């Protein structure tokens, strides 16, 4: 399994939606429950977030490679989870 990092902001509606979609997909598929994404609050972990090249949140990285940033839909989240499983 690969490492999944999600950069987010607490006040971002797109981030809240992305996290809800992850939870919903984990409820639908037990394999997705094995994925434990590292959530990076960019307002708290500023120095760490500055090491990554993204403009919009949520920003998804698998093993350090950006795979998505900005507003996201369920199928896109599912695809990211599938990529994370390898």
C-alpha atoms as a PDB file:
ATOM      1  CA  UNK A   1       0.000   0.000   0.000  1.00  0.00           C
ATOM      2  CA  UNK A   2       1.148   3.497  -0.809  1.00  0.00           C
ATOM      3  CA  UNK A   3       1.121   6.571   1.436  1.00  0.00           C
ATOM      4  CA  UNK A   4      -1.732   9.010   0.972  1.00  0.00           C
ATOM      5  CA  UNK A   5      -1.434  12.596   2.197  1.00  0.00           C
ATOM      6  CA  UNK A   6      -4.251  15.103   2.009  1.00  0.00           C
ATOM      7  CA  UNK A   7      -3.573  18.805   2.454  1.00  0.00           C
ATOM      8  CA  UNK A   8      -6.648  20.652   3.650  1.00  0.00           C
ATOM      9  CA  UNK A   9      -8.076  23.622   5.520  1.00  0.00           C
ATOM     10  CA  UNK A  10     -10.699  23.262   8.230  1.00  0.00           C
ATOM     11  CA  UNK A  11     -12.843  26.043   6.757  1.00  0.00           C
ATOM     12  CA  UNK A  12     -12.787  24.682   3.196  1.00  0.00           C
ATOM     13  CA  UNK A  13     -16.131  23.237   1.999  1.00  0.00           C
ATOM     14  CA  UNK A  14     -14.372  21.200  -0.711  1.00  0.00           C
ATOM     15  CA  UNK A  15     -12.083  19.660   1.904  1.00  0.00           C
ATOM     16  CA  UNK A  16     -15.034  18.763   4.111  1.00  0.00           C
ATOM     17  CA  UNK A  17     -16.735  17.144   1.123  1.00  0.00           C
ATOM     18  CA  UNK A  18     -13.597  15.178   0.231  1.00  0.00           C
ATOM     19  CA  UNK A  19     -13.284  13.819   3.777  1.00  0.00           C
ATOM     20  CA  UNK A  20     -16.979  12.871   3.817  1.00  0.00           C
ATOM     21  CA  UNK A  21     -16.545  11.056   0.495  1.00  0.00           C
ATOM     22  CA  UNK A  22     -13.584   9.106   1.874  1.00  0.00           C
ATOM     23  CA  UNK A  23     -15.657   8.056   4.888  1.00  0.00           C
ATOM     24  CA  UNK A  24     -18.588   7.041   2.675  1.00  0.00           C
ATOM     25  CA  UNK A  25     -16.355   4.968   0.410  1.00  0.00           C
ATOM     26  CA  UNK A  26     -14.734   3.331   3.428  1.00  0.00           C
ATOM     27  CA  UNK A  27     -18.210   2.385   4.651  1.00  0.00           C
ATOM     28  CA  UNK A  28     -18.921   0.807   1.249  1.00  0.00           C
ATOM     29  CA  UNK A  29     -15.653  -1.086   0.881  1.00  0.00           C
ATOM     30  CA  UNK A  30     -13.725  -2.694   3.735  1.00  0.00           C
ATOM     31  CA  UNK A  31     -10.474  -2.565   1.732  1.00  0.00           C
ATOM     32  CA  UNK A  32     -10.611   1.232   1.775  1.00  0.00           C
ATOM     33  CA  UNK A  33     -10.729   1.140   5.584  1.00  0.00           C
ATOM     34  CA  UNK A  34      -7.137  -0.089   5.578  1.00  0.00           C
ATOM     35  CA  UNK A  35      -6.084   3.265   4.094  1.00  0.00           C
ATOM     36  CA  UNK A  36      -5.098   5.735   6.783  1.00  0.00           C
ATOM     37  CA  UNK A  37      -4.427   9.025   5.013  1.00  0.00           C
ATOM     38  CA  UNK A  38      -2.148  11.555   6.651  1.00  0.00           C
ATOM     39  CA  UNK A  39      -4.210  14.726   6.985  1.00  0.00           C
ATOM     40  CA  UNK A  40      -2.112  17.871   6.809  1.00  0.00           C
ATOM     41  CA  UNK A  41      -3.795  21.060   8.000  1.00  0.00           C
ATOM     42  CA  UNK A  42      -1.926  23.619   5.925  1.00  0.00           C
ATOM     43  CA  UNK A  43      -2.685  26.373   8.437  1.00  0.00           C
ATOM     44  CA  UNK A  44      -0.990  24.445  11.246  1.00  0.00           C
ATOM     45  CA  UNK A  45       1.754  22.619   9.360  1.00  0.00           C
ATOM     46  CA  UNK A  46       2.758  25.608   7.232  1.00  0.00           C
ATOM     47  CA  UNK A  47       6.439  24.723   6.830  1.00  0.00           C
ATOM     48  CA  UNK A  48       5.656  21.158   5.781  1.00  0.00           C
ATOM     49  CA  UNK A  49       2.886  22.241   3.384  1.00  0.00           C
ATOM     50  CA  UNK A  50       5.272  24.731   1.763  1.00  0.00           C
ATOM     51  CA  UNK A  51       7.422  21.798   0.635  1.00  0.00           C
ATOM     52  CA  UNK A  52       4.648  20.713  -1.761  1.00  0.00           C
ATOM     53  CA  UNK A  53       3.589  22.274  -5.043  1.00  0.00           C
ATOM     54  CA  UNK A  54      -0.149  22.895  -4.963  1.00  0.00           C
ATOM     55  CA  UNK A  55      -2.435  25.898  -5.059  1.00  0.00           C
ATOM     56  CA  UNK A  56      -5.894  24.551  -4.189  1.00  0.00           C
ATOM     57  CA  UNK A  57      -7.117  22.342  -1.377  1.00  0.00           C
ATOM     58  CA  UNK A  58      -7.845  19.596  -0.925  1.00  0.00           C
ATOM     59  CA  UNK A  59      -4.599  18.411  -2.472  1.00  0.00           C
ATOM     60  CA  UNK A  60      -3.983  14.666  -2.658  1.00  0.00           C
ATOM     61  CA  UNK A  61      -0.503  13.148  -2.836  1.00  0.00           C
ATOM     62  CA  UNK A  62       0.318   9.468  -3.213  1.00  0.00           C
ATOM     63  CA  UNK A  63       3.900   8.640  -2.231  1.00  0.00           C
ATOM     64  CA  UNK A  64       4.813  12.307  -2.630  1.00  0.00           C
ATOM     65  CA  UNK A  65       3.310  12.695  -6.114  1.00  0.00           C
ATOM     66  CA  UNK A  66       0.356  15.049  -6.568  1.00  0.00           C
ATOM     67  CA  UNK A  67      -2.627  13.196  -8.001  1.00  0.00           C
ATOM     68  CA  UNK A  68      -5.383  15.776  -7.494  1.00  0.00           C
ATOM     69  CA  UNK A  69      -6.061  19.248  -6.161  1.00  0.00           C
ATOM     70  CA  UNK A  70      -9.226  21.271  -5.763  1.00  0.00           C
ATOM     71  CA  UNK A  71     -12.890  20.304  -5.825  1.00  0.00           C
ATOM     72  CA  UNK A  72     -13.440  16.574  -6.112  1.00  0.00           C
ATOM     73  CA  UNK A  73     -16.227  14.094  -6.800  1.00  0.00           C
ATOM     74  CA  UNK A  74     -16.865  10.585  -5.511  1.00  0.00           C
ATOM     75  CA  UNK A  75     -15.444   8.744  -8.534  1.00  0.00           C
ATOM     76  CA  UNK A  76     -12.231  10.766  -8.307  1.00  0.00           C
ATOM     77  CA  UNK A  77     -11.853   9.941  -4.611  1.00  0.00           C
ATOM     78  CA  UNK A  78     -12.506   6.274  -5.386  1.00  0.00           C
ATOM     79  CA  UNK A  79      -9.797   6.363  -8.049  1.00  0.00           C
ATOM     80  CA  UNK A  80      -7.340   7.893  -5.565  1.00  0.00           C
ATOM     81  CA  UNK A  81      -8.148   5.207  -2.996  1.00  0.00           C
ATOM     82  CA  UNK A  82      -7.633   2.517  -5.631  1.00  0.00           C
ATOM     83  CA  UNK A  83      -4.263   4.031  -6.570  1.00  0.00           C
ATOM     84  CA  UNK A  84      -3.297   4.105  -2.902  1.00  0.00           C
ATOM     85  CA  UNK A  85      -4.036   0.411  -2.557  1.00  0.00           C
ATOM     86  CA  UNK A  86      -1.703  -0.179  -5.495  1.00  0.00           C
END
